[in-house]
N, C-alpha and C. Protein backbone atom coordinates (compact mmCIF):
# COMPACT_ATOMS: atom_id res chain seq x y z
N MET A 1 -0.52 -43.71 -29.89
CA MET A 1 0.18 -44.25 -31.03
C MET A 1 0.06 -43.26 -32.19
N ALA A 2 1.18 -42.98 -32.83
CA ALA A 2 1.19 -42.05 -33.96
C ALA A 2 0.47 -42.67 -35.15
N SER A 3 -0.13 -41.81 -35.98
CA SER A 3 -0.80 -42.30 -37.18
C SER A 3 -0.72 -41.27 -38.29
N ILE A 4 -0.75 -41.75 -39.54
CA ILE A 4 -0.87 -40.87 -40.69
C ILE A 4 -2.34 -40.83 -41.05
N ASP A 5 -2.90 -39.62 -41.01
CA ASP A 5 -4.34 -39.45 -41.21
C ASP A 5 -4.71 -39.24 -42.68
N LEU A 6 -3.86 -38.53 -43.42
CA LEU A 6 -4.20 -38.18 -44.80
C LEU A 6 -2.93 -37.78 -45.55
N MET A 7 -2.82 -38.22 -46.81
CA MET A 7 -1.74 -37.78 -47.69
C MET A 7 -2.38 -37.20 -48.94
N THR A 8 -2.01 -35.96 -49.30
CA THR A 8 -2.59 -35.32 -50.47
C THR A 8 -1.48 -34.69 -51.33
N PHE A 9 -1.65 -34.79 -52.64
CA PHE A 9 -0.74 -34.16 -53.59
C PHE A 9 -1.37 -32.87 -54.10
N ASP A 10 -0.55 -31.95 -54.58
CA ASP A 10 -1.07 -30.67 -55.07
C ASP A 10 -1.74 -30.78 -56.43
N GLN A 11 -1.52 -31.87 -57.16
CA GLN A 11 -2.22 -32.11 -58.41
C GLN A 11 -2.25 -33.61 -58.68
N ALA A 12 -3.05 -34.02 -59.65
CA ALA A 12 -3.28 -35.45 -59.90
C ALA A 12 -2.17 -36.10 -60.71
N ALA A 13 -1.53 -35.36 -61.62
CA ALA A 13 -0.49 -35.92 -62.48
C ALA A 13 0.57 -34.86 -62.74
N TYR A 14 1.79 -35.32 -63.08
CA TYR A 14 2.92 -34.40 -63.27
C TYR A 14 3.67 -34.77 -64.54
N THR A 15 4.34 -33.78 -65.12
CA THR A 15 5.25 -34.03 -66.23
C THR A 15 6.66 -34.00 -65.67
N PRO A 16 7.60 -34.68 -66.32
CA PRO A 16 8.98 -34.70 -65.82
C PRO A 16 9.52 -33.28 -65.60
N GLY A 17 10.15 -33.09 -64.45
CA GLY A 17 10.72 -31.79 -64.11
C GLY A 17 9.82 -30.91 -63.26
N GLU A 18 8.53 -31.25 -63.18
CA GLU A 18 7.61 -30.46 -62.36
C GLU A 18 7.85 -30.71 -60.88
N LEU A 19 7.54 -29.69 -60.09
CA LEU A 19 7.62 -29.81 -58.63
C LEU A 19 6.40 -30.57 -58.11
N VAL A 20 6.65 -31.59 -57.33
CA VAL A 20 5.60 -32.38 -56.70
C VAL A 20 5.54 -31.97 -55.23
N THR A 21 4.34 -31.63 -54.76
CA THR A 21 4.17 -31.27 -53.36
C THR A 21 3.23 -32.25 -52.70
N LEU A 22 3.69 -32.85 -51.62
CA LEU A 22 2.91 -33.82 -50.86
C LEU A 22 2.69 -33.28 -49.45
N THR A 23 1.43 -33.27 -49.02
CA THR A 23 1.09 -32.85 -47.66
C THR A 23 0.65 -34.07 -46.87
N VAL A 24 1.26 -34.26 -45.71
CA VAL A 24 0.97 -35.40 -44.85
C VAL A 24 0.37 -34.88 -43.55
N ASP A 25 -0.90 -35.20 -43.31
CA ASP A 25 -1.55 -34.87 -42.03
C ASP A 25 -1.36 -36.07 -41.11
N TYR A 26 -0.86 -35.81 -39.90
CA TYR A 26 -0.59 -36.93 -39.01
C TYR A 26 -0.90 -36.57 -37.56
N THR A 27 -1.04 -37.60 -36.75
CA THR A 27 -1.26 -37.46 -35.32
C THR A 27 -0.03 -38.02 -34.62
N PRO A 28 0.75 -37.16 -33.97
CA PRO A 28 1.97 -37.64 -33.31
C PRO A 28 1.66 -38.30 -31.96
N ASP A 29 2.60 -39.09 -31.49
CA ASP A 29 2.51 -39.60 -30.13
C ASP A 29 2.66 -38.42 -29.18
N VAL A 30 1.89 -38.42 -28.12
CA VAL A 30 2.00 -37.38 -27.10
C VAL A 30 2.02 -38.07 -25.74
N GLY A 31 3.03 -37.76 -24.98
CA GLY A 31 3.10 -38.27 -23.62
C GLY A 31 2.57 -37.22 -22.67
N SER A 32 2.22 -37.62 -21.50
CA SER A 32 1.75 -36.64 -20.53
C SER A 32 2.27 -37.00 -19.15
N GLN A 33 2.44 -35.97 -18.35
CA GLN A 33 2.86 -36.17 -16.97
C GLN A 33 1.97 -35.31 -16.09
N THR A 34 1.48 -35.91 -15.01
CA THR A 34 0.60 -35.19 -14.09
C THR A 34 1.40 -34.70 -12.89
N PHE A 35 1.20 -33.44 -12.55
CA PHE A 35 1.83 -32.84 -11.38
C PHE A 35 0.74 -32.37 -10.43
N THR A 36 1.12 -32.12 -9.19
CA THR A 36 0.19 -31.60 -8.21
C THR A 36 0.74 -30.29 -7.66
N ALA A 37 -0.06 -29.24 -7.75
CA ALA A 37 0.30 -27.94 -7.16
C ALA A 37 -0.42 -27.82 -5.82
N THR A 38 0.29 -27.29 -4.83
CA THR A 38 -0.29 -27.14 -3.50
C THR A 38 -0.12 -25.70 -3.04
N ALA A 39 -1.22 -25.09 -2.59
CA ALA A 39 -1.19 -23.75 -2.01
C ALA A 39 -1.31 -23.89 -0.50
N VAL A 40 -0.55 -23.08 0.23
CA VAL A 40 -0.53 -23.16 1.70
C VAL A 40 -0.71 -21.75 2.26
N ILE A 41 -1.59 -21.62 3.26
CA ILE A 41 -1.73 -20.36 4.01
C ILE A 41 -1.10 -20.58 5.38
N THR A 42 -0.19 -19.67 5.70
CA THR A 42 0.50 -19.73 6.99
C THR A 42 0.14 -18.47 7.78
N ASP A 43 -0.19 -18.65 9.07
CA ASP A 43 -0.54 -17.49 9.90
C ASP A 43 0.71 -16.79 10.41
N ALA A 44 0.52 -15.71 11.14
CA ALA A 44 1.63 -14.89 11.63
C ALA A 44 2.56 -15.68 12.55
N ALA A 45 2.06 -16.71 13.19
CA ALA A 45 2.89 -17.52 14.09
C ALA A 45 3.65 -18.61 13.34
N GLY A 46 3.41 -18.73 12.04
CA GLY A 46 4.12 -19.72 11.25
C GLY A 46 3.40 -21.05 11.12
N ALA A 47 2.18 -21.11 11.64
CA ALA A 47 1.42 -22.36 11.55
C ALA A 47 0.64 -22.39 10.24
N GLN A 48 0.58 -23.57 9.63
CA GLN A 48 -0.23 -23.74 8.43
C GLN A 48 -1.69 -23.81 8.84
N VAL A 49 -2.49 -22.91 8.28
CA VAL A 49 -3.91 -22.88 8.65
C VAL A 49 -4.82 -23.39 7.55
N ALA A 50 -4.30 -23.50 6.33
CA ALA A 50 -5.11 -24.04 5.24
C ALA A 50 -4.19 -24.49 4.11
N THR A 51 -4.60 -25.57 3.47
CA THR A 51 -3.89 -26.04 2.27
C THR A 51 -4.91 -26.54 1.25
N SER A 52 -4.53 -26.48 0.02
CA SER A 52 -5.37 -27.04 -1.03
C SER A 52 -4.45 -27.48 -2.17
N SER A 53 -4.79 -28.60 -2.79
CA SER A 53 -3.99 -29.13 -3.89
C SER A 53 -4.86 -29.38 -5.10
N ALA A 54 -4.23 -29.27 -6.27
CA ALA A 54 -4.95 -29.53 -7.51
C ALA A 54 -3.96 -30.10 -8.53
N PRO A 55 -4.40 -31.07 -9.32
CA PRO A 55 -3.52 -31.64 -10.34
C PRO A 55 -3.51 -30.80 -11.62
N PHE A 56 -2.40 -30.88 -12.36
CA PHE A 56 -2.36 -30.32 -13.70
C PHE A 56 -1.51 -31.24 -14.56
N VAL A 57 -1.77 -31.23 -15.87
CA VAL A 57 -1.13 -32.15 -16.80
C VAL A 57 -0.29 -31.37 -17.80
N VAL A 58 0.90 -31.86 -18.06
CA VAL A 58 1.76 -31.29 -19.09
C VAL A 58 1.89 -32.34 -20.20
N ASN A 59 1.43 -31.99 -21.41
CA ASN A 59 1.55 -32.87 -22.57
C ASN A 59 2.83 -32.55 -23.30
N THR A 60 3.60 -33.58 -23.62
CA THR A 60 4.87 -33.37 -24.29
C THR A 60 4.92 -34.23 -25.55
N PRO A 61 5.33 -33.64 -26.68
CA PRO A 61 5.44 -34.42 -27.90
C PRO A 61 6.53 -35.47 -27.76
N ALA A 62 6.34 -36.59 -28.43
CA ALA A 62 7.28 -37.70 -28.33
C ALA A 62 8.48 -37.54 -29.27
N GLY A 63 8.49 -36.50 -30.08
CA GLY A 63 9.60 -36.29 -31.00
C GLY A 63 9.51 -37.11 -32.28
N ASP A 64 8.29 -37.41 -32.70
CA ASP A 64 8.10 -38.18 -33.92
C ASP A 64 8.67 -37.42 -35.12
N VAL A 65 9.23 -38.16 -36.07
CA VAL A 65 9.77 -37.57 -37.29
C VAL A 65 9.05 -38.20 -38.48
N VAL A 66 8.57 -37.36 -39.40
CA VAL A 66 7.88 -37.83 -40.60
C VAL A 66 8.88 -37.79 -41.76
N GLY A 67 8.89 -38.82 -42.54
CA GLY A 67 9.75 -38.87 -43.72
C GLY A 67 8.99 -39.48 -44.88
N VAL A 68 9.48 -39.27 -46.10
CA VAL A 68 8.82 -39.79 -47.29
C VAL A 68 9.85 -40.49 -48.18
N THR A 69 9.49 -41.66 -48.68
CA THR A 69 10.26 -42.35 -49.71
C THR A 69 9.28 -42.81 -50.77
N ASP A 70 9.79 -43.15 -51.95
CA ASP A 70 8.93 -43.74 -52.97
C ASP A 70 9.70 -44.80 -53.73
N ASP A 71 8.99 -45.57 -54.54
CA ASP A 71 9.62 -46.67 -55.26
C ASP A 71 10.27 -46.23 -56.57
N GLY A 72 10.29 -44.90 -56.83
CA GLY A 72 10.92 -44.38 -58.03
C GLY A 72 12.28 -43.76 -57.77
N GLY A 73 12.72 -43.78 -56.50
CA GLY A 73 14.03 -43.25 -56.17
C GLY A 73 14.11 -41.74 -56.08
N HIS A 74 12.97 -41.05 -55.99
CA HIS A 74 12.98 -39.60 -55.85
C HIS A 74 13.50 -39.20 -54.46
N VAL A 75 14.13 -38.05 -54.41
CA VAL A 75 14.60 -37.51 -53.14
C VAL A 75 13.57 -36.49 -52.67
N TRP A 76 12.98 -36.75 -51.53
CA TRP A 76 11.96 -35.88 -50.97
C TRP A 76 12.59 -34.95 -49.93
N ALA A 77 12.27 -33.67 -50.03
CA ALA A 77 12.76 -32.67 -49.07
C ALA A 77 11.60 -32.17 -48.23
N GLN A 78 11.82 -32.07 -46.95
CA GLN A 78 10.77 -31.55 -46.08
C GLN A 78 10.75 -30.02 -46.19
N ALA A 79 9.60 -29.46 -46.57
CA ALA A 79 9.46 -28.02 -46.70
C ALA A 79 9.01 -27.39 -45.38
N SER A 80 8.17 -28.13 -44.62
CA SER A 80 7.70 -27.62 -43.34
C SER A 80 7.10 -28.75 -42.52
N ASP A 81 6.95 -28.50 -41.22
CA ASP A 81 6.30 -29.46 -40.33
C ASP A 81 5.79 -28.70 -39.11
N THR A 82 4.47 -28.68 -38.96
CA THR A 82 3.86 -27.96 -37.84
C THR A 82 3.75 -28.81 -36.58
N GLY A 83 4.03 -30.09 -36.71
CA GLY A 83 3.81 -31.02 -35.61
C GLY A 83 2.60 -31.90 -35.85
N THR A 84 1.75 -31.50 -36.80
CA THR A 84 0.61 -32.32 -37.21
C THR A 84 0.42 -32.33 -38.72
N VAL A 85 1.10 -31.42 -39.43
CA VAL A 85 1.04 -31.36 -40.90
C VAL A 85 2.46 -31.14 -41.41
N ALA A 86 2.92 -32.09 -42.25
CA ALA A 86 4.26 -31.97 -42.85
C ALA A 86 4.11 -31.86 -44.36
N VAL A 87 4.91 -30.98 -44.97
CA VAL A 87 4.88 -30.78 -46.41
C VAL A 87 6.23 -31.17 -46.98
N PHE A 88 6.19 -31.98 -48.05
CA PHE A 88 7.41 -32.46 -48.71
C PHE A 88 7.35 -32.12 -50.19
N THR A 89 8.52 -31.95 -50.81
CA THR A 89 8.59 -31.70 -52.25
C THR A 89 9.64 -32.59 -52.88
N THR A 90 9.44 -32.86 -54.16
CA THR A 90 10.42 -33.54 -55.00
C THR A 90 10.18 -33.09 -56.43
N THR A 91 11.04 -33.53 -57.32
CA THR A 91 10.88 -33.22 -58.73
C THR A 91 10.44 -34.47 -59.47
N ALA A 92 9.38 -34.30 -60.29
CA ALA A 92 8.83 -35.44 -61.03
C ALA A 92 9.82 -35.93 -62.07
């Protein structure tokens, strides 16, 4: 389950017209799928003489999207998103 871990502003207070920067640290949903790889040794006659299998997991992001709204009607623009840290800006 996705979660927002921390929200931080670049300063404590702003004057009108100043740039506000908000950083959101989050944990996205991640799905996983398990596959099995198999190695086979075949002799000169074409007979399988040995096999071995091992599982491996592929983790895939769920495509979560982070957005910001506020009760003052500001328009927030996403400046960046690493997949676990998103940065947004608006004007105070």
